Amino acid sequence: MKKLIAIILVVLVVALLVFVIDIRDVVNALLNADIDLLIYGILALMGGLVLLPIRWYLLVGRKVGFVGAFHSNSISFMIRMFMPIPIAAIRVMTISLATPLSMGEASPAAMVELLFGLVERLVFLLIFLAAMQSETSGGMLIWTALLIAIFVGILWLTHHIDDYLPNIKRGLAKFPRVNEASLEIPLEYFRDGLKSLGGTWRLTLIMLITLVIAGSFMIGYILILGALNINIGSTEIASLATILFFIAPLRPYVIIVSQIFMVIVLLTYRVADPPSALAFGILVYGIEMVVWVIAGMWALIRSNHSLRDIIELPRKILTASRYLDEYFKNPNGTSSAD
């Protein structure tokens, strides 16, 4: 089903390019962009991209050092820009390329990072709701209170995860095609990852970084859309929040699929014409792609690996569970399978 959806999306984007959107209009939209706003938008987006490896370093621990965490992060996102592989799976695979850490040892951090990825999506949801209710007084106070409640909830969970893990497992098992057995290992990783966060200050720092990442991406998207000579109002902000909710910093879509999704959302909200919508998708994805390709290739060189190692990574997904299971057998050691 997922492959069929991907094929349909690719066909749609080709149809848009050939029958609906005149490429000359897209080029004109890019050439007529406000350079100042575009530069500010790129800087804001870069701010969020730079903070992603910092958060990953805080999550994965000091065993790898910041340089190792940075290399692992760069390789992960470079792969994700071109291959439809879940970011958590890429995380645990690339960590063994760039650092001495095994896949099993990195799994708890990857699971907890998904929690903060969910926080990012909640931020975008709150921005969407705030934009839709922009005329309602006291809206910002409500959204701020909700964010504080989320942080308090995560902090509370880190201290009570052992008590409530069985209840969480039973609750998740009620969803279709989910059973408690399939949740056993992921939740164990999640529990170990939460415990590894340590004191309140570290969790607070990670939470603040997460909020800044979300804010940087939101501001960057707003400025880049504004650079295309589109007036920014509540509807435009709501449309961008919708895009970021589905294409959050931890969930970038692969090339082409990303652009068609952005075009569809912007056209649905009627905030841009087809050429400007496609120009926006090209700019945003292009900026991220350039950053991650340069950083990822540099990370491969510095860690003495090549593109061949990247090509072989999908094969490792099929045996990832064997690597991850070694975490429980020897959580303080290095996987012999690496």
C-alpha atoms as a PDB file:
ATOM      1  CA  MET A   1       0.000   0.000   0.000  1.00  0.00           C
ATOM      2  CA  LYS A   2       2.779   2.456   0.914  1.00  0.00           C
ATOM      3  CA  LYS A   3       4.592   1.728  -2.360  1.00  0.00           C
ATOM      4  CA  LEU A   4       1.360   2.324  -4.266  1.00  0.00           C
ATOM      5  CA  ILE A   5       0.840   5.667  -2.504  1.00  0.00           C
ATOM      6  CA  ALA A   6       4.428   6.678  -3.298  1.00  0.00           C
ATOM      7  CA  ILE A   7       3.954   5.782  -6.970  1.00  0.00           C
ATOM      8  CA  ILE A   8       0.709   7.767  -7.119  1.00  0.00           C
ATOM      9  CA  LEU A   9       2.415  10.803  -5.561  1.00  0.00           C
ATOM     10  CA  VAL A  10       5.280  10.612  -8.061  1.00  0.00           C
ATOM     11  CA  VAL A  11       2.785  10.413 -10.942  1.00  0.00           C
ATOM     12  CA  LEU A  12       0.940  13.432  -9.493  1.00  0.00           C
ATOM     13  CA  VAL A  13       4.074  15.552  -9.283  1.00  0.00           C
ATOM     14  CA  VAL A  14       5.045  14.663 -12.843  1.00  0.00           C
ATOM     15  CA  ALA A  15       1.530  15.567 -13.979  1.00  0.00           C
ATOM     16  CA  LEU A  16       1.763  18.873 -12.131  1.00  0.00           C
ATOM     17  CA  LEU A  17       5.097  19.673 -13.716  1.00  0.00           C
ATOM     18  CA  VAL A  18       3.996  18.756 -17.236  1.00  0.00           C
ATOM     19  CA  PHE A  19       0.343  19.780 -17.420  1.00  0.00           C
ATOM     20  CA  VAL A  20      -0.378  22.285 -14.649  1.00  0.00           C
ATOM     21  CA  ILE A  21       2.753  24.220 -13.740  1.00  0.00           C
ATOM     22  CA  ASP A  22       4.810  26.118 -16.282  1.00  0.00           C
ATOM     23  CA  ILE A  23       8.440  25.673 -15.254  1.00  0.00           C
ATOM     24  CA  ARG A  24       9.177  29.193 -16.538  1.00  0.00           C
ATOM     25  CA  ASP A  25       6.736  30.564 -13.951  1.00  0.00           C
ATOM     26  CA  VAL A  26       8.526  28.596 -11.227  1.00  0.00           C
ATOM     27  CA  VAL A  27      11.869  30.018 -12.358  1.00  0.00           C
ATOM     28  CA  ASN A  28      10.414  33.540 -12.369  1.00  0.00           C
ATOM     29  CA  ALA A  29       9.082  33.037  -8.828  1.00  0.00           C
ATOM     30  CA  LEU A  30      12.551  31.996  -7.686  1.00  0.00           C
ATOM     31  CA  LEU A  31      14.307  34.854  -9.502  1.00  0.00           C
ATOM     32  CA  ASN A  32      11.875  37.451  -8.123  1.00  0.00           C
ATOM     33  CA  ALA A  33      12.201  36.279  -4.526  1.00  0.00           C
ATOM     34  CA  ASP A  34      13.057  38.836  -1.849  1.00  0.00           C
ATOM     35  CA  ILE A  35      16.745  38.114  -1.224  1.00  0.00           C
ATOM     36  CA  ASP A  36      16.794  39.661   2.266  1.00  0.00           C
ATOM     37  CA  LEU A  37      13.834  37.614   3.502  1.00  0.00           C
ATOM     38  CA  LEU A  38      15.258  34.516   1.833  1.00  0.00           C
ATOM     39  CA  ILE A  39      18.597  34.936   3.618  1.00  0.00           C
ATOM     40  CA  TYR A  40      16.852  35.427   6.971  1.00  0.00           C
ATOM     41  CA  GLY A  41      14.726  32.351   6.278  1.00  0.00           C
ATOM     42  CA  ILE A  42      17.780  30.259   5.441  1.00  0.00           C
ATOM     43  CA  LEU A  43      19.519  31.407   8.624  1.00  0.00           C
ATOM     44  CA  ALA A  44      16.461  30.524  10.724  1.00  0.00           C
ATOM     45  CA  LEU A  45      16.229  27.101   9.078  1.00  0.00           C
ATOM     46  CA  MET A  46      19.961  26.562   9.577  1.00  0.00           C
ATOM     47  CA  GLY A  47      19.527  27.334  13.275  1.00  0.00           C
ATOM     48  CA  GLY A  48      17.127  24.421  13.614  1.00  0.00           C
ATOM     49  CA  LEU A  49      19.340  22.107  11.563  1.00  0.00           C
ATOM     50  CA  VAL A  50      22.375  22.927  13.727  1.00  0.00           C
ATOM     51  CA  LEU A  51      20.477  22.135  16.931  1.00  0.00           C
ATOM     52  CA  LEU A  52      19.465  18.636  15.783  1.00  0.00           C
ATOM     53  CA  PRO A  53      22.948  17.099  16.306  1.00  0.00           C
ATOM     54  CA  ILE A  54      23.271  18.922  19.641  1.00  0.00           C
ATOM     55  CA  ARG A  55      20.063  17.298  20.882  1.00  0.00           C
ATOM     56  CA  TRP A  56      21.183  13.929  19.530  1.00  0.00           C
ATOM     57  CA  TYR A  57      24.458  14.304  21.452  1.00  0.00           C
ATOM     58  CA  LEU A  58      22.582  15.011  24.688  1.00  0.00           C
ATOM     59  CA  LEU A  59      20.396  11.954  24.116  1.00  0.00           C
ATOM     60  CA  VAL A  60      23.009   9.456  23.019  1.00  0.00           C
ATOM     61  CA  GLY A  61      25.378  10.256  25.880  1.00  0.00           C
ATOM     62  CA  ARG A  62      28.993  11.207  26.252  1.00  0.00           C
ATOM     63  CA  LYS A  63      30.388   7.885  25.050  1.00  0.00           C
ATOM     64  CA  VAL A  64      30.529   9.092  21.462  1.00  0.00           C
ATOM     65  CA  GLY A  65      31.471  12.746  22.013  1.00  0.00           C
ATOM     66  CA  PHE A  66      29.927  15.650  20.144  1.00  0.00           C
ATOM     67  CA  VAL A  67      31.928  15.051  16.946  1.00  0.00           C
ATOM     68  CA  GLY A  68      30.726  11.445  16.761  1.00  0.00           C
ATOM     69  CA  ALA A  69      27.130  12.492  17.417  1.00  0.00           C
ATOM     70  CA  PHE A  70      27.410  15.202  14.753  1.00  0.00           C
ATOM     71  CA  HIS A  71      28.746  12.747  12.151  1.00  0.00           C
ATOM     72  CA  SER A  72      26.069  10.174  12.989  1.00  0.00           C
ATOM     73  CA  ASN A  73      23.335  12.821  12.769  1.00  0.00           C
ATOM     74  CA  SER A  74      24.604  14.137   9.421  1.00  0.00           C
ATOM     75  CA  ILE A  75      24.793  10.707   7.819  1.00  0.00           C
ATOM     76  CA  SER A  76      21.313   9.847   9.145  1.00  0.00           C
ATOM     77  CA  PHE A  77      19.600  12.850   7.607  1.00  0.00           C
ATOM     78  CA  MET A  78      21.528  12.575   4.352  1.00  0.00           C
ATOM     79  CA  ILE A  79      20.152   9.053   3.936  1.00  0.00           C
ATOM     80  CA  ARG A  80      16.636  10.104   4.974  1.00  0.00           C
ATOM     81  CA  MET A  81      16.503  12.795   2.302  1.00  0.00           C
ATOM     82  CA  PHE A  82      16.722  10.123  -0.411  1.00  0.00           C
ATOM     83  CA  MET A  83      15.506   6.860   1.149  1.00  0.00           C
ATOM     84  CA  PRO A  84      12.121   6.227   2.823  1.00  0.00           C
ATOM     85  CA  ILE A  85      13.554   4.625   5.953  1.00  0.00           C
ATOM     86  CA  PRO A  86      12.298   5.560   9.455  1.00  0.00           C
ATOM     87  CA  ILE A  87      14.713   7.963  11.127  1.00  0.00           C
ATOM     88  CA  ALA A  88      14.970   5.801  14.277  1.00  0.00           C
ATOM     89  CA  ALA A  89      16.156   2.838  12.183  1.00  0.00           C
ATOM     90  CA  ILE A  90      18.693   5.030  10.403  1.00  0.00           C
ATOM     91  CA  ARG A  91      19.901   6.407  13.741  1.00  0.00           C
ATOM     92  CA  VAL A  92      20.777   3.022  15.211  1.00  0.00           C
ATOM     93  CA  MET A  93      22.491   1.917  11.995  1.00  0.00           C
ATOM     94  CA  THR A  94      24.592   4.999  11.305  1.00  0.00           C
ATOM     95  CA  ILE A  95      25.772   5.298  14.909  1.00  0.00           C
ATOM     96  CA  SER A  96      27.982   2.246  14.336  1.00  0.00           C
ATOM     97  CA  LEU A  97      29.447   3.863  11.211  1.00  0.00           C
ATOM     98  CA  ALA A  98      30.497   7.096  12.869  1.00  0.00           C
ATOM     99  CA  THR A  99      31.170   6.029  16.479  1.00  0.00           C
ATOM    100  CA  PRO A 100      32.296   3.026  18.559  1.00  0.00           C
ATOM    101  CA  LEU A 101      28.737   2.743  19.926  1.00  0.00           C
ATOM    102  CA  SER A 102      26.784  -0.341  18.902  1.00  0.00           C
ATOM    103  CA  MET A 103      23.300  -0.318  17.440  1.00  0.00           C
ATOM    104  CA  GLY A 104      21.844  -1.777  20.614  1.00  0.00           C
ATOM    105  CA  GLU A 105      23.426   0.891  22.782  1.00  0.00           C
ATOM    106  CA  ALA A 106      22.016   3.673  20.592  1.00  0.00           C
ATOM    107  CA  SER A 107      18.485   2.245  20.480  1.00  0.00           C
ATOM    108  CA  PRO A 108      17.209   3.784  23.767  1.00  0.00           C
ATOM    109  CA  ALA A 109      18.312   7.263  22.660  1.00  0.00           C
ATOM    110  CA  ALA A 110      16.655   6.795  19.256  1.00  0.00           C
ATOM    111  CA  MET A 111      13.381   5.771  20.911  1.00  0.00           C
ATOM    112  CA  VAL A 112      13.390   8.772  23.266  1.00  0.00           C
ATOM    113  CA  GLU A 113      14.206  11.097  20.377  1.00  0.00           C
ATOM    114  CA  LEU A 114      10.913  10.026  18.827  1.00  0.00           C
ATOM    115  CA  LEU A 115       9.194  11.359  21.949  1.00  0.00           C
ATOM    116  CA  PHE A 116      10.739  14.794  21.412  1.00  0.00           C
ATOM    117  CA  GLY A 117       9.837  14.518  17.738  1.00  0.00           C
ATOM    118  CA  LEU A 118       6.259  14.107  18.937  1.00  0.00           C
ATOM    119  CA  VAL A 119       6.691  17.247  21.055  1.00  0.00           C
ATOM    120  CA  GLU A 120       7.747  19.118  17.907  1.00  0.00           C
ATOM    121  CA  ARG A 121       4.609  17.954  16.124  1.00  0.00           C
ATOM    122  CA  LEU A 122       2.487  19.036  19.079  1.00  0.00           C
ATOM    123  CA  VAL A 123       4.092  22.487  18.863  1.00  0.00           C
ATOM    124  CA  PHE A 124       3.124  22.722  15.197  1.00  0.00           C
ATOM    125  CA  LEU A 125      -0.383  21.559  16.060  1.00  0.00           C
ATOM    126  CA  LEU A 126      -0.653  24.280  18.714  1.00  0.00           C
ATOM    127  CA  ILE A 127       0.620  26.868  16.213  1.00  0.00           C
ATOM    128  CA  PHE A 128      -2.038  25.686  13.764  1.00  0.00           C
ATOM    129  CA  LEU A 129      -4.777  25.990  16.391  1.00  0.00           C
ATOM    130  CA  ALA A 130      -3.491  29.407  17.451  1.00  0.00           C
ATOM    131  CA  ALA A 131      -3.480  30.598  13.832  1.00  0.00           C
ATOM    132  CA  MET A 132      -7.029  29.356  13.297  1.00  0.00           C
ATOM    133  CA  GLN A 133      -8.134  31.184  16.462  1.00  0.00           C
ATOM    134  CA  SER A 134      -5.942  34.260  16.012  1.00  0.00           C
ATOM    135  CA  GLU A 135      -8.752  36.592  17.012  1.00  0.00           C
ATOM    136  CA  THR A 136      -9.415  34.798  20.289  1.00  0.00           C
ATOM    137  CA  SER A 137      -8.026  36.625  23.323  1.00  0.00           C
ATOM    138  CA  GLY A 138      -5.785  34.742  25.713  1.00  0.00           C
ATOM    139  CA  GLY A 139      -4.843  32.186  23.074  1.00  0.00           C
ATOM    140  CA  MET A 140      -1.083  32.437  23.662  1.00  0.00           C
ATOM    141  CA  LEU A 141      -1.558  31.882  27.394  1.00  0.00           C
ATOM    142  CA  ILE A 142      -3.453  28.668  26.695  1.00  0.00           C
ATOM    143  CA  TRP A 143      -0.818  27.343  24.274  1.00  0.00           C
ATOM    144  CA  THR A 144       2.001  28.238  26.673  1.00  0.00           C
ATOM    145  CA  ALA A 145       0.223  26.418  29.486  1.00  0.00           C
ATOM    146  CA  LEU A 146      -0.165  23.342  27.282  1.00  0.00           C
ATOM    147  CA  LEU A 147       3.545  23.316  26.425  1.00  0.00           C
ATOM    148  CA  ILE A 148       4.417  23.564  30.111  1.00  0.00           C
ATOM    149  CA  ALA A 149       2.023  20.704  30.823  1.00  0.00           C
ATOM    150  CA  ILE A 150       3.765  18.589  28.175  1.00  0.00           C
ATOM    151  CA  PHE A 151       7.157  19.252  29.750  1.00  0.00           C
ATOM    152  CA  VAL A 152       5.884  18.446  33.248  1.00  0.00           C
ATOM    153  CA  GLY A 153       4.335  15.243  31.884  1.00  0.00           C
ATOM    154  CA  ILE A 154       7.645  14.102  30.346  1.00  0.00           C
ATOM    155  CA  LEU A 155       9.514  14.994  33.526  1.00  0.00           C
ATOM    156  CA  TRP A 156       7.012  13.031  35.595  1.00  0.00           C
ATOM    157  CA  LEU A 157       7.247  10.075  33.209  1.00  0.00           C
ATOM    158  CA  THR A 158      11.043   9.874  33.572  1.00  0.00           C
ATOM    159  CA  HIS A 159      10.615   9.263  37.321  1.00  0.00           C
ATOM    160  CA  HIS A 160       7.638   6.869  37.107  1.00  0.00           C
ATOM    161  CA  ILE A 161       8.230   4.954  33.877  1.00  0.00           C
ATOM    162  CA  ASP A 162       8.748   1.625  35.683  1.00  0.00           C
ATOM    163  CA  ASP A 163       5.411   1.933  37.478  1.00  0.00           C
ATOM    164  CA  TYR A 164       3.379   2.778  34.398  1.00  0.00           C
ATOM    165  CA  LEU A 165       5.167   0.859  31.645  1.00  0.00           C
ATOM    166  CA  PRO A 166       2.745  -2.132  31.887  1.00  0.00           C
ATOM    167  CA  ASN A 167      -0.241   0.219  31.623  1.00  0.00           C
ATOM    168  CA  ILE A 168       1.310   1.984  28.624  1.00  0.00           C
ATOM    169  CA  LYS A 169       1.891  -1.376  26.970  1.00  0.00           C
ATOM    170  CA  ARG A 170      -1.695  -2.519  27.538  1.00  0.00           C
ATOM    171  CA  GLY A 171      -3.044   0.802  26.278  1.00  0.00           C
ATOM    172  CA  LEU A 172      -1.001   0.723  23.063  1.00  0.00           C
ATOM    173  CA  ALA A 173      -1.929  -2.927  22.490  1.00  0.00           C
ATOM    174  CA  LYS A 174      -5.556  -1.863  22.035  1.00  0.00           C
ATOM    175  CA  PHE A 175      -4.714  -0.254  18.712  1.00  0.00           C
ATOM    176  CA  PRO A 176      -5.378  -2.328  15.561  1.00  0.00           C
ATOM    177  CA  ARG A 177      -2.608  -4.734  14.497  1.00  0.00           C
ATOM    178  CA  VAL A 178      -0.639  -4.054  17.698  1.00  0.00           C
ATOM    179  CA  ASN A 179       0.027  -6.611  20.424  1.00  0.00           C
ATOM    180  CA  GLU A 180       1.959  -6.540  23.678  1.00  0.00           C
ATOM    181  CA  ALA A 181       4.661  -8.884  22.370  1.00  0.00           C
ATOM    182  CA  SER A 182       5.582  -6.496  19.538  1.00  0.00           C
ATOM    183  CA  LEU A 183       5.814  -3.623  22.028  1.00  0.00           C
ATOM    184  CA  GLU A 184       8.117  -5.384  24.472  1.00  0.00           C
ATOM    185  CA  ILE A 185      11.515  -4.407  23.031  1.00  0.00           C
ATOM    186  CA  PRO A 186      10.622  -0.863  21.841  1.00  0.00           C
ATOM    187  CA  LEU A 187       9.161   0.043  25.245  1.00  0.00           C
ATOM    188  CA  GLU A 188      12.178  -1.423  27.032  1.00  0.00           C
ATOM    189  CA  TYR A 189      14.407   0.798  24.906  1.00  0.00           C
ATOM    190  CA  PHE A 190      12.124   3.736  25.597  1.00  0.00           C
ATOM    191  CA  ARG A 191      12.320   3.141  29.359  1.00  0.00           C
ATOM    192  CA  ASP A 192      16.115   2.846  29.318  1.00  0.00           C
ATOM    193  CA  GLY A 193      16.360   5.990  27.214  1.00  0.00           C
ATOM    194  CA  LEU A 194      14.231   8.006  29.627  1.00  0.00           C
ATOM    195  CA  LYS A 195      16.277   6.809  32.596  1.00  0.00           C
ATOM    196  CA  SER A 196      19.512   7.752  30.829  1.00  0.00           C
ATOM    197  CA  LEU A 197      18.426  11.397  30.669  1.00  0.00           C
ATOM    198  CA  GLY A 198      19.507  11.799  34.270  1.00  0.00           C
ATOM    199  CA  GLY A 199      18.562  14.946  36.179  1.00  0.00           C
ATOM    200  CA  THR A 200      15.945  17.581  35.517  1.00  0.00           C
ATOM    201  CA  TRP A 201      18.449  20.072  34.058  1.00  0.00           C
ATOM    202  CA  ARG A 202      19.351  17.785  31.162  1.00  0.00           C
ATOM    203  CA  LEU A 203      15.718  17.089  30.330  1.00  0.00           C
ATOM    204  CA  THR A 204      14.961  20.809  30.562  1.00  0.00           C
ATOM    205  CA  LEU A 205      17.813  21.600  28.182  1.00  0.00           C
ATOM    206  CA  ILE A 206      16.642  18.985  25.669  1.00  0.00           C
ATOM    207  CA  MET A 207      13.082  20.291  25.905  1.00  0.00           C
ATOM    208  CA  LEU A 208      14.215  23.865  25.323  1.00  0.00           C
ATOM    209  CA  ILE A 209      16.322  22.790  22.347  1.00  0.00           C
ATOM    210  CA  THR A 210      13.294  20.942  20.961  1.00  0.00           C
ATOM    211  CA  LEU A 211      11.136  24.061  21.232  1.00  0.00           C
ATOM    212  CA  VAL A 212      13.826  26.192  19.577  1.00  0.00           C
ATOM    213  CA  ILE A 213      14.145  23.641  16.747  1.00  0.00           C
ATOM    214  CA  ALA A 214      10.398  23.783  16.143  1.00  0.00           C
ATOM    215  CA  GLY A 215      10.415  27.581  16.317  1.00  0.00           C
ATOM    216  CA  SER A 216      13.391  27.858  13.958  1.00  0.00           C
ATOM    217  CA  PHE A 217      11.741  25.684  11.337  1.00  0.00           C
ATOM    218  CA  MET A 218       8.450  27.579  11.661  1.00  0.00           C
ATOM    219  CA  ILE A 219      10.120  30.989  11.358  1.00  0.00           C
ATOM    220  CA  GLY A 220      12.300  29.771   8.490  1.00  0.00           C
ATOM    221  CA  TYR A 221       9.280  28.479   6.562  1.00  0.00           C
ATOM    222  CA  ILE A 222       7.369  31.730   7.155  1.00  0.00           C
ATOM    223  CA  LEU A 223      10.266  33.876   5.939  1.00  0.00           C
ATOM    224  CA  ILE A 224      10.907  31.709   2.877  1.00  0.00           C
ATOM    225  CA  LEU A 225       7.215  31.795   1.921  1.00  0.00           C
ATOM    226  CA  GLY A 226       7.218  35.559   2.465  1.00  0.00           C
ATOM    227  CA  ALA A 227      10.310  35.860   0.269  1.00  0.00           C
ATOM    228  CA  LEU A 228       8.170  34.567  -2.622  1.00  0.00           C
ATOM    229  CA  ASN A 229       6.088  37.755  -2.342  1.00  0.00           C
ATOM    230  CA  ILE A 230       3.229  36.065  -0.498  1.00  0.00           C
ATOM    231  CA  ASN A 231       1.554  38.050   2.284  1.00  0.00           C
ATOM    232  CA  ILE A 232       1.761  36.192   5.575  1.00  0.00           C
ATOM    233  CA  GLY A 233      -1.426  35.924   7.616  1.00  0.00           C
ATOM    234  CA  SER A 234      -3.109  33.399   9.875  1.00  0.00           C
ATOM    235  CA  THR A 235      -4.077  31.139   6.955  1.00  0.00           C
ATOM    236  CA  GLU A 236      -0.518  31.052   5.627  1.00  0.00           C
ATOM    237  CA  ILE A 237       0.831  30.222   9.101  1.00  0.00           C
ATOM    238  CA  ALA A 238      -1.765  27.472   9.485  1.00  0.00           C
ATOM    239  CA  SER A 239      -0.750  25.968   6.141  1.00  0.00           C
ATOM    240  CA  LEU A 240       2.939  25.936   7.100  1.00  0.00           C
ATOM    241  CA  ALA A 241       2.125  24.428  10.499  1.00  0.00           C
ATOM    242  CA  THR A 242       0.231  21.687   8.648  1.00  0.00           C
ATOM    243  CA  ILE A 243       3.259  20.984   6.450  1.00  0.00           C
ATOM    244  CA  LEU A 244       5.624  20.860   9.421  1.00  0.00           C
ATOM    245  CA  PHE A 245       3.243  18.655  11.413  1.00  0.00           C
ATOM    246  CA  PHE A 246       3.627  15.948   8.768  1.00  0.00           C
ATOM    247  CA  ILE A 247       7.150  16.831   7.595  1.00  0.00           C
ATOM    248  CA  ALA A 248       8.585  17.561  11.017  1.00  0.00           C
ATOM    249  CA  PRO A 249      12.373  17.957  11.447  1.00  0.00           C
ATOM    250  CA  LEU A 250      12.607  14.265  12.372  1.00  0.00           C
ATOM    251  CA  ARG A 251      10.315  13.138   9.558  1.00  0.00           C
ATOM    252  CA  PRO A 252      11.589  14.681   6.305  1.00  0.00           C
ATOM    253  CA  TYR A 253      10.003  13.125   3.233  1.00  0.00           C
ATOM    254  CA  VAL A 254      12.137  11.844   0.391  1.00  0.00           C
ATOM    255  CA  ILE A 255      12.767  13.970  -2.667  1.00  0.00           C
ATOM    256  CA  ILE A 256       9.768  14.624  -4.986  1.00  0.00           C
ATOM    257  CA  VAL A 257       7.274  13.306  -2.420  1.00  0.00           C
ATOM    258  CA  SER A 258       8.184  16.243  -0.201  1.00  0.00           C
ATOM    259  CA  GLN A 259       7.614  18.813  -2.930  1.00  0.00           C
ATOM    260  CA  ILE A 260       4.256  17.417  -4.046  1.00  0.00           C
ATOM    261  CA  PHE A 261       3.008  17.326  -0.455  1.00  0.00           C
ATOM    262  CA  MET A 262       3.955  20.963   0.107  1.00  0.00           C
ATOM    263  CA  VAL A 263       2.302  21.994  -3.165  1.00  0.00           C
ATOM    264  CA  ILE A 264      -0.905  20.156  -2.270  1.00  0.00           C
ATOM    265  CA  VAL A 265      -1.094  21.753   1.188  1.00  0.00           C
ATOM    266  CA  LEU A 266      -0.413  25.298  -0.044  1.00  0.00           C
ATOM    267  CA  LEU A 267      -2.942  24.943  -2.849  1.00  0.00           C
ATOM    268  CA  THR A 268      -5.516  23.443  -0.496  1.00  0.00           C
ATOM    269  CA  TYR A 269      -5.244  26.468   1.807  1.00  0.00           C
ATOM    270  CA  ARG A 270      -5.205  28.738  -1.277  1.00  0.00           C
ATOM    271  CA  VAL A 271      -2.212  30.715  -0.020  1.00  0.00           C
ATOM    272  CA  ALA A 272      -0.112  30.420  -3.198  1.00  0.00           C
ATOM    273  CA  ASP A 273      -0.472  29.754  -6.907  1.00  0.00           C
ATOM    274  CA  PRO A 274       0.988  26.481  -8.272  1.00  0.00           C
ATOM    275  CA  PRO A 275       4.342  27.977  -9.458  1.00  0.00           C
ATOM    276  CA  SER A 276       4.956  29.754  -6.127  1.00  0.00           C
ATOM    277  CA  ALA A 277       3.955  26.634  -4.170  1.00  0.00           C
ATOM    278  CA  LEU A 278       6.429  24.491  -6.124  1.00  0.00           C
ATOM    279  CA  ALA A 279       9.100  27.193  -5.788  1.00  0.00           C
ATOM    280  CA  PHE A 280       8.601  27.072  -2.006  1.00  0.00           C
ATOM    281  CA  GLY A 281       9.003  23.286  -1.975  1.00  0.00           C
ATOM    282  CA  ILE A 282      12.156  23.492  -4.067  1.00  0.00           C
ATOM    283  CA  LEU A 283      13.695  26.160  -1.824  1.00  0.00           C
ATOM    284  CA  VAL A 284      12.934  24.469   1.489  1.00  0.00           C
ATOM    285  CA  TYR A 285      13.924  20.989   0.404  1.00  0.00           C
ATOM    286  CA  GLY A 286      16.911  22.284  -1.529  1.00  0.00           C
ATOM    287  CA  ILE A 287      18.309  24.091   1.507  1.00  0.00           C
ATOM    288  CA  GLU A 288      17.975  21.030   3.725  1.00  0.00           C
ATOM    289  CA  MET A 289      19.340  18.703   1.045  1.00  0.00           C
ATOM    290  CA  VAL A 290      22.444  20.834   0.447  1.00  0.00           C
ATOM    291  CA  VAL A 291      23.139  21.047   4.187  1.00  0.00           C
ATOM    292  CA  TRP A 292      22.733  17.327   4.852  1.00  0.00           C
ATOM    293  CA  VAL A 293      24.555  16.132   1.740  1.00  0.00           C
ATOM    294  CA  ILE A 294      27.586  18.317   2.497  1.00  0.00           C
ATOM    295  CA  ALA A 295      27.561  17.449   6.211  1.00  0.00           C
ATOM    296  CA  GLY A 296      26.869  13.767   5.509  1.00  0.00           C
ATOM    297  CA  MET A 297      29.642  13.368   2.941  1.00  0.00           C
ATOM    298  CA  TRP A 298      32.091  15.165   5.207  1.00  0.00           C
ATOM    299  CA  ALA A 299      31.048  12.886   8.079  1.00  0.00           C
ATOM    300  CA  LEU A 300      31.624   9.797   5.913  1.00  0.00           C
ATOM    301  CA  ILE A 301      35.099  10.995   4.985  1.00  0.00           C
ATOM    302  CA  ARG A 302      36.011  11.871   8.573  1.00  0.00           C
ATOM    303  CA  SER A 303      34.780   8.488   9.837  1.00  0.00           C
ATOM    304  CA  ASN A 304      36.671   6.610   7.092  1.00  0.00           C
ATOM    305  CA  HIS A 305      33.587   5.325   5.272  1.00  0.00           C
ATOM    306  CA  SER A 306      32.285   5.596   1.735  1.00  0.00           C
ATOM    307  CA  LEU A 307      29.022   5.692  -0.201  1.00  0.00           C
ATOM    308  CA  ARG A 308      29.295   1.932  -0.575  1.00  0.00           C
ATOM    309  CA  ASP A 309      28.802   1.596   3.161  1.00  0.00           C
ATOM    310  CA  ILE A 310      25.652   3.718   2.840  1.00  0.00           C
ATOM    311  CA  ILE A 311      24.349   1.537  -0.003  1.00  0.00           C
ATOM    312  CA  GLU A 312      24.792  -1.537   2.163  1.00  0.00           C
ATOM    313  CA  LEU A 313      22.856  -0.024   5.065  1.00  0.00           C
ATOM    314  CA  PRO A 314      19.364  -1.107   3.871  1.00  0.00           C
ATOM    315  CA  ARG A 315      20.539  -4.712   4.062  1.00  0.00           C
ATOM    316  CA  LYS A 316      21.337  -4.147   7.720  1.00  0.00           C
ATOM    317  CA  ILE A 317      17.753  -3.145   8.417  1.00  0.00           C
ATOM    318  CA  LEU A 318      16.705  -6.751   7.859  1.00  0.00           C
ATOM    319  CA  THR A 319      19.015  -7.895  10.656  1.00  0.00           C
ATOM    320  CA  ALA A 320      18.701  -4.822  12.898  1.00  0.00           C
ATOM    321  CA  SER A 321      16.702  -6.688  15.535  1.00  0.00           C
ATOM    322  CA  ARG A 322      19.650  -9.041  16.089  1.00  0.00           C
ATOM    323  CA  TYR A 323      21.919  -6.059  16.752  1.00  0.00           C
ATOM    324  CA  LEU A 324      19.391  -4.342  18.984  1.00  0.00           C
ATOM    325  CA  ASP A 325      18.734  -7.413  21.097  1.00  0.00           C
ATOM    326  CA  GLU A 326      22.398  -7.456  22.159  1.00  0.00           C
ATOM    327  CA  TYR A 327      21.736  -4.329  24.174  1.00  0.00           C
ATOM    328  CA  PHE A 328      19.849  -6.393  26.736  1.00  0.00           C
ATOM    329  CA  LYS A 329      22.464  -9.122  26.802  1.00  0.00           C
ATOM    330  CA  ASN A 330      25.358  -6.720  27.297  1.00  0.00           C
ATOM    331  CA  PRO A 331      24.098  -3.117  27.750  1.00  0.00           C
ATOM    332  CA  ASN A 332      27.515  -1.760  28.737  1.00  0.00           C
ATOM    333  CA  GLY A 333      29.529  -3.470  26.062  1.00  0.00           C
ATOM    334  CA  THR A 334      29.992  -3.278  22.330  1.00  0.00           C
ATOM    335  CA  SER A 335      28.001  -5.413  19.951  1.00  0.00           C
ATOM    336  CA  SER A 336      30.059  -8.223  18.526  1.00  0.00           C
ATOM    337  CA  ALA A 337      28.006  -8.032  15.360  1.00  0.00           C
ATOM    338  CA  ASP A 338      29.262  -4.544  14.387  1.00  0.00           C
END
